[in-house]
Amino acid sequence: MSCSGQIKGNKNSKIYHVPGGAYYDRTQDNIVWFCSEADAQAAGYRKSQR
């Protein structure tokens, strides 16, 4: 991966988390890394509401 992979996605819930978000540090299982929010959305993930 050529980016720093700061966006965490949960494979099961299809929700992604950004650094500083309420659940970013809690997400530890079934992680998929994305380079940007646009990449996560293109893969069918939605942003965490918190």
PDB file of N, CA and C in Angstrom:
ATOM      1  N   MET A   1       0.858  -1.174   0.000  1.00  0.00           N
ATOM      2  CA  MET A   1       0.000   0.000   0.000  1.00  0.00           C
ATOM      3  C   MET A   1       0.905   1.240   0.000  1.00  0.00           C
ATOM      4  N   SER A   2       0.663   2.125  -0.907  1.00  0.00           N
ATOM      5  CA  SER A   2       1.544   3.276  -1.060  1.00  0.00           C
ATOM      6  C   SER A   2       1.146   4.471  -0.192  1.00  0.00           C
ATOM      7  N   CYS A   3       0.062   4.377   0.520  1.00  0.00           N
ATOM      8  CA  CYS A   3      -0.364   5.467   1.403  1.00  0.00           C
ATOM      9  C   CYS A   3      -0.157   5.057   2.853  1.00  0.00           C
ATOM     10  N   SER A   4      -0.451   5.952   3.752  1.00  0.00           N
ATOM     11  CA  SER A   4      -0.252   5.647   5.172  1.00  0.00           C
ATOM     12  C   SER A   4      -1.381   4.814   5.762  1.00  0.00           C
ATOM     13  N   GLY A   5      -2.503   4.662   5.044  1.00  0.00           N
ATOM     14  CA  GLY A   5      -3.598   3.814   5.513  1.00  0.00           C
ATOM     15  C   GLY A   5      -4.206   4.261   6.813  1.00  0.00           C
ATOM     16  N   GLN A   6      -4.667   5.474   6.861  1.00  0.00           N
ATOM     17  CA  GLN A   6      -5.200   6.025   8.098  1.00  0.00           C
ATOM     18  C   GLN A   6      -6.687   5.739   8.321  1.00  0.00           C
ATOM     19  N   ILE A   7      -7.400   5.317   7.302  1.00  0.00           N
ATOM     20  CA  ILE A   7      -8.834   5.059   7.418  1.00  0.00           C
ATOM     21  C   ILE A   7      -9.023   3.571   7.703  1.00  0.00           C
ATOM     22  N   LYS A   8      -9.698   3.262   8.822  1.00  0.00           N
ATOM     23  CA  LYS A   8      -9.955   1.876   9.211  1.00  0.00           C
ATOM     24  C   LYS A   8     -11.375   1.501   8.822  1.00  0.00           C
ATOM     25  N   GLY A   9     -11.512   0.379   8.157  1.00  0.00           N
ATOM     26  CA  GLY A   9     -12.834  -0.143   7.836  1.00  0.00           C
ATOM     27  C   GLY A   9     -13.053  -1.453   8.555  1.00  0.00           C
ATOM     28  N   ASN A  10     -14.286  -1.704   8.980  1.00  0.00           N
ATOM     29  CA  ASN A  10     -14.638  -2.968   9.604  1.00  0.00           C
ATOM     30  C   ASN A  10     -15.308  -3.837   8.544  1.00  0.00           C
ATOM     31  N   LYS A  11     -14.704  -4.979   8.238  1.00  0.00           N
ATOM     32  CA  LYS A  11     -15.217  -5.865   7.194  1.00  0.00           C
ATOM     33  C   LYS A  11     -16.644  -6.322   7.460  1.00  0.00           C
ATOM     34  N   ASN A  12     -16.983  -6.555   8.711  1.00  0.00           N
ATOM     35  CA  ASN A  12     -18.307  -7.079   9.044  1.00  0.00           C
ATOM     36  C   ASN A  12     -19.406  -6.033   8.932  1.00  0.00           C
ATOM     37  N   SER A  13     -19.155  -4.850   9.480  1.00  0.00           N
ATOM     38  CA  SER A  13     -20.198  -3.825   9.515  1.00  0.00           C
ATOM     39  C   SER A  13     -20.194  -2.924   8.293  1.00  0.00           C
ATOM     40  N   LYS A  14     -19.079  -2.949   7.518  1.00  0.00           N
ATOM     41  CA  LYS A  14     -18.910  -2.063   6.360  1.00  0.00           C
ATOM     42  C   LYS A  14     -18.969  -0.596   6.772  1.00  0.00           C
ATOM     43  N   ILE A  15     -18.451  -0.292   7.961  1.00  0.00           N
ATOM     44  CA  ILE A  15     -18.360   1.081   8.470  1.00  0.00           C
ATOM     45  C   ILE A  15     -16.883   1.432   8.558  1.00  0.00           C
ATOM     46  N   TYR A  16     -16.546   2.655   8.151  1.00  0.00           N
ATOM     47  CA  TYR A  16     -15.153   3.078   8.286  1.00  0.00           C
ATOM     48  C   TYR A  16     -15.020   4.166   9.337  1.00  0.00           C
ATOM     49  N   HIS A  17     -13.830   4.247   9.904  1.00  0.00           N
ATOM     50  CA  HIS A  17     -13.536   5.165  11.002  1.00  0.00           C
ATOM     51  C   HIS A  17     -12.333   6.011  10.639  1.00  0.00           C
ATOM     52  N   VAL A  18     -12.390   7.288  10.982  1.00  0.00           N
ATOM     53  CA  VAL A  18     -11.289   8.211  10.720  1.00  0.00           C
ATOM     54  C   VAL A  18     -10.547   8.489  12.021  1.00  0.00           C
ATOM     55  N   PRO A  19      -9.261   8.841  11.942  1.00  0.00           N
ATOM     56  CA  PRO A  19      -8.507   9.174  13.157  1.00  0.00           C
ATOM     57  C   PRO A  19      -9.215  10.267  13.951  1.00  0.00           C
ATOM     58  N   GLY A  20      -9.293  10.079  15.256  1.00  0.00           N
ATOM     59  CA  GLY A  20      -9.973  11.039  16.117  1.00  0.00           C
ATOM     60  C   GLY A  20     -11.435  10.714  16.350  1.00  0.00           C
ATOM     61  N   GLY A  21     -11.966   9.758  15.590  1.00  0.00           N
ATOM     62  CA  GLY A  21     -13.355   9.347  15.768  1.00  0.00           C
ATOM     63  C   GLY A  21     -13.523   8.546  17.046  1.00  0.00           C
ATOM     64  N   ALA A  22     -14.746   8.511  17.564  1.00  0.00           N
ATOM     65  CA  ALA A  22     -15.028   7.860  18.845  1.00  0.00           C
ATOM     66  C   ALA A  22     -14.633   6.377  18.865  1.00  0.00           C
ATOM     67  N   TYR A  23     -14.764   5.681  17.748  1.00  0.00           N
ATOM     68  CA  TYR A  23     -14.502   4.245  17.728  1.00  0.00           C
ATOM     69  C   TYR A  23     -13.236   3.864  16.975  1.00  0.00           C
ATOM     70  N   TYR A  24     -12.458   4.841  16.557  1.00  0.00           N
ATOM     71  CA  TYR A  24     -11.244   4.552  15.770  1.00  0.00           C
ATOM     72  C   TYR A  24     -10.307   3.610  16.518  1.00  0.00           C
ATOM     73  N   ASP A  25      -9.993   3.934  17.754  1.00  0.00           N
ATOM     74  CA  ASP A  25      -9.061   3.108  18.524  1.00  0.00           C
ATOM     75  C   ASP A  25      -9.678   1.788  18.979  1.00  0.00           C
ATOM     76  N   ARG A  26     -10.987   1.734  19.081  1.00  0.00           N
ATOM     77  CA  ARG A  26     -11.659   0.502  19.520  1.00  0.00           C
ATOM     78  C   ARG A  26     -11.749  -0.534  18.412  1.00  0.00           C
ATOM     79  N   THR A  27     -11.688  -0.106  17.168  1.00  0.00           N
ATOM     80  CA  THR A  27     -11.799  -1.027  16.039  1.00  0.00           C
ATOM     81  C   THR A  27     -10.494  -1.799  15.911  1.00  0.00           C
ATOM     82  N   GLN A  28     -10.556  -3.093  16.250  1.00  0.00           N
ATOM     83  CA  GLN A  28      -9.340  -3.904  16.231  1.00  0.00           C
ATOM     84  C   GLN A  28      -9.494  -5.216  15.474  1.00  0.00           C
ATOM     85  N   ASP A  29     -10.701  -5.642  15.219  1.00  0.00           N
ATOM     86  CA  ASP A  29     -10.929  -6.899  14.513  1.00  0.00           C
ATOM     87  C   ASP A  29     -11.480  -6.634  13.115  1.00  0.00           C
ATOM     88  N   ASN A  30     -11.178  -7.524  12.203  1.00  0.00           N
ATOM     89  CA  ASN A  30     -11.712  -7.459  10.844  1.00  0.00           C
ATOM     90  C   ASN A  30     -11.433  -6.125  10.169  1.00  0.00           C
ATOM     91  N   ILE A  31     -10.209  -5.635  10.292  1.00  0.00           N
ATOM     92  CA  ILE A  31      -9.853  -4.316   9.775  1.00  0.00           C
ATOM     93  C   ILE A  31      -9.423  -4.378   8.311  1.00  0.00           C
ATOM     94  N   VAL A  32      -9.918  -3.406   7.558  1.00  0.00           N
ATOM     95  CA  VAL A  32      -9.475  -3.145   6.193  1.00  0.00           C
ATOM     96  C   VAL A  32      -8.966  -1.716   6.197  1.00  0.00           C
ATOM     97  N   TRP A  33      -7.796  -1.463   5.614  1.00  0.00           N
ATOM     98  CA  TRP A  33      -7.220  -0.116   5.600  1.00  0.00           C
ATOM     99  C   TRP A  33      -7.488   0.561   4.269  1.00  0.00           C
ATOM    100  N   PHE A  34      -7.795   1.845   4.331  1.00  0.00           N
ATOM    101  CA  PHE A  34      -8.018   2.644   3.133  1.00  0.00           C
ATOM    102  C   PHE A  34      -7.121   3.876   3.157  1.00  0.00           C
ATOM    103  N   CYS A  35      -6.785   4.361   1.973  1.00  0.00           N
ATOM    104  CA  CYS A  35      -5.953   5.569   1.844  1.00  0.00           C
ATOM    105  C   CYS A  35      -6.770   6.840   2.054  1.00  0.00           C
ATOM    106  N   SER A  36      -8.056   6.779   1.725  1.00  0.00           N
ATOM    107  CA  SER A  36      -8.893   7.974   1.839  1.00  0.00           C
ATOM    108  C   SER A  36     -10.340   7.574   2.100  1.00  0.00           C
ATOM    109  N   GLU A  37     -11.130   8.545   2.518  1.00  0.00           N
ATOM    110  CA  GLU A  37     -12.559   8.289   2.718  1.00  0.00           C
ATOM    111  C   GLU A  37     -13.213   7.935   1.383  1.00  0.00           C
ATOM    112  N   ALA A  38     -12.755   8.556   0.306  1.00  0.00           N
ATOM    113  CA  ALA A  38     -13.308   8.256  -1.019  1.00  0.00           C
ATOM    114  C   ALA A  38     -13.072   6.793  -1.386  1.00  0.00           C
ATOM    115  N   ASP A  39     -11.897   6.274  -1.048  1.00  0.00           N
ATOM    116  CA  ASP A  39     -11.605   4.859  -1.316  1.00  0.00           C
ATOM    117  C   ASP A  39     -12.535   3.954  -0.516  1.00  0.00           C
ATOM    118  N   ALA A  40     -12.775   4.298   0.726  1.00  0.00           N
ATOM    119  CA  ALA A  40     -13.666   3.500   1.573  1.00  0.00           C
ATOM    120  C   ALA A  40     -15.089   3.523   1.021  1.00  0.00           C
ATOM    121  N   GLN A  41     -15.549   4.685   0.633  1.00  0.00           N
ATOM    122  CA  GLN A  41     -16.902   4.811   0.087  1.00  0.00           C
ATOM    123  C   GLN A  41     -17.037   4.053  -1.234  1.00  0.00           C
ATOM    124  N   ALA A  42     -16.002   4.105  -2.048  1.00  0.00           N
ATOM    125  CA  ALA A  42     -16.022   3.380  -3.326  1.00  0.00           C
ATOM    126  C   ALA A  42     -16.093   1.870  -3.110  1.00  0.00           C
ATOM    127  N   ALA A  43     -15.581   1.413  -1.970  1.00  0.00           N
ATOM    128  CA  ALA A  43     -15.620  -0.023  -1.648  1.00  0.00           C
ATOM    129  C   ALA A  43     -16.924  -0.426  -0.974  1.00  0.00           C
ATOM    130  N   GLY A  44     -17.842   0.534  -0.799  1.00  0.00           N
ATOM    131  CA  GLY A  44     -19.146   0.219  -0.227  1.00  0.00           C
ATOM    132  C   GLY A  44     -19.252   0.435   1.268  1.00  0.00           C
ATOM    133  N   TYR A  45     -18.299   1.125   1.853  1.00  0.00           N
ATOM    134  CA  TYR A  45     -18.319   1.393   3.282  1.00  0.00           C
ATOM    135  C   TYR A  45     -18.961   2.749   3.546  1.00  0.00           C
ATOM    136  N   ARG A  46     -19.549   2.895   4.727  1.00  0.00           N
ATOM    137  CA  ARG A  46     -20.113   4.190   5.132  1.00  0.00           C
ATOM    138  C   ARG A  46     -19.373   4.692   6.351  1.00  0.00           C
ATOM    139  N   LYS A  47     -19.373   6.009   6.526  1.00  0.00           N
ATOM    140  CA  LYS A  47     -18.647   6.628   7.632  1.00  0.00           C
ATOM    141  C   LYS A  47     -19.363   6.402   8.952  1.00  0.00           C
ATOM    142  N   SER A  48     -18.599   6.171   9.995  1.00  0.00           N
ATOM    143  CA  SER A  48     -19.159   6.054  11.339  1.00  0.00           C
ATOM    144  C   SER A  48     -19.836   7.371  11.704  1.00  0.00           C
ATOM    145  N   GLN A  49     -20.942   7.294  12.391  1.00  0.00           N
ATOM    146  CA  GLN A  49     -21.664   8.499  12.775  1.00  0.00           C
ATOM    147  C   GLN A  49     -21.053   9.180  13.992  1.00  0.00           C
ATOM    148  N   ARG A  50     -20.072   8.550  14.604  1.00  0.00           N
ATOM    149  CA  ARG A  50     -19.406   9.141  15.772  1.00  0.00           C
ATOM    150  C   ARG A  50     -17.936   9.313  15.539  1.00  0.00           C
TER     151      ARG A  50
END
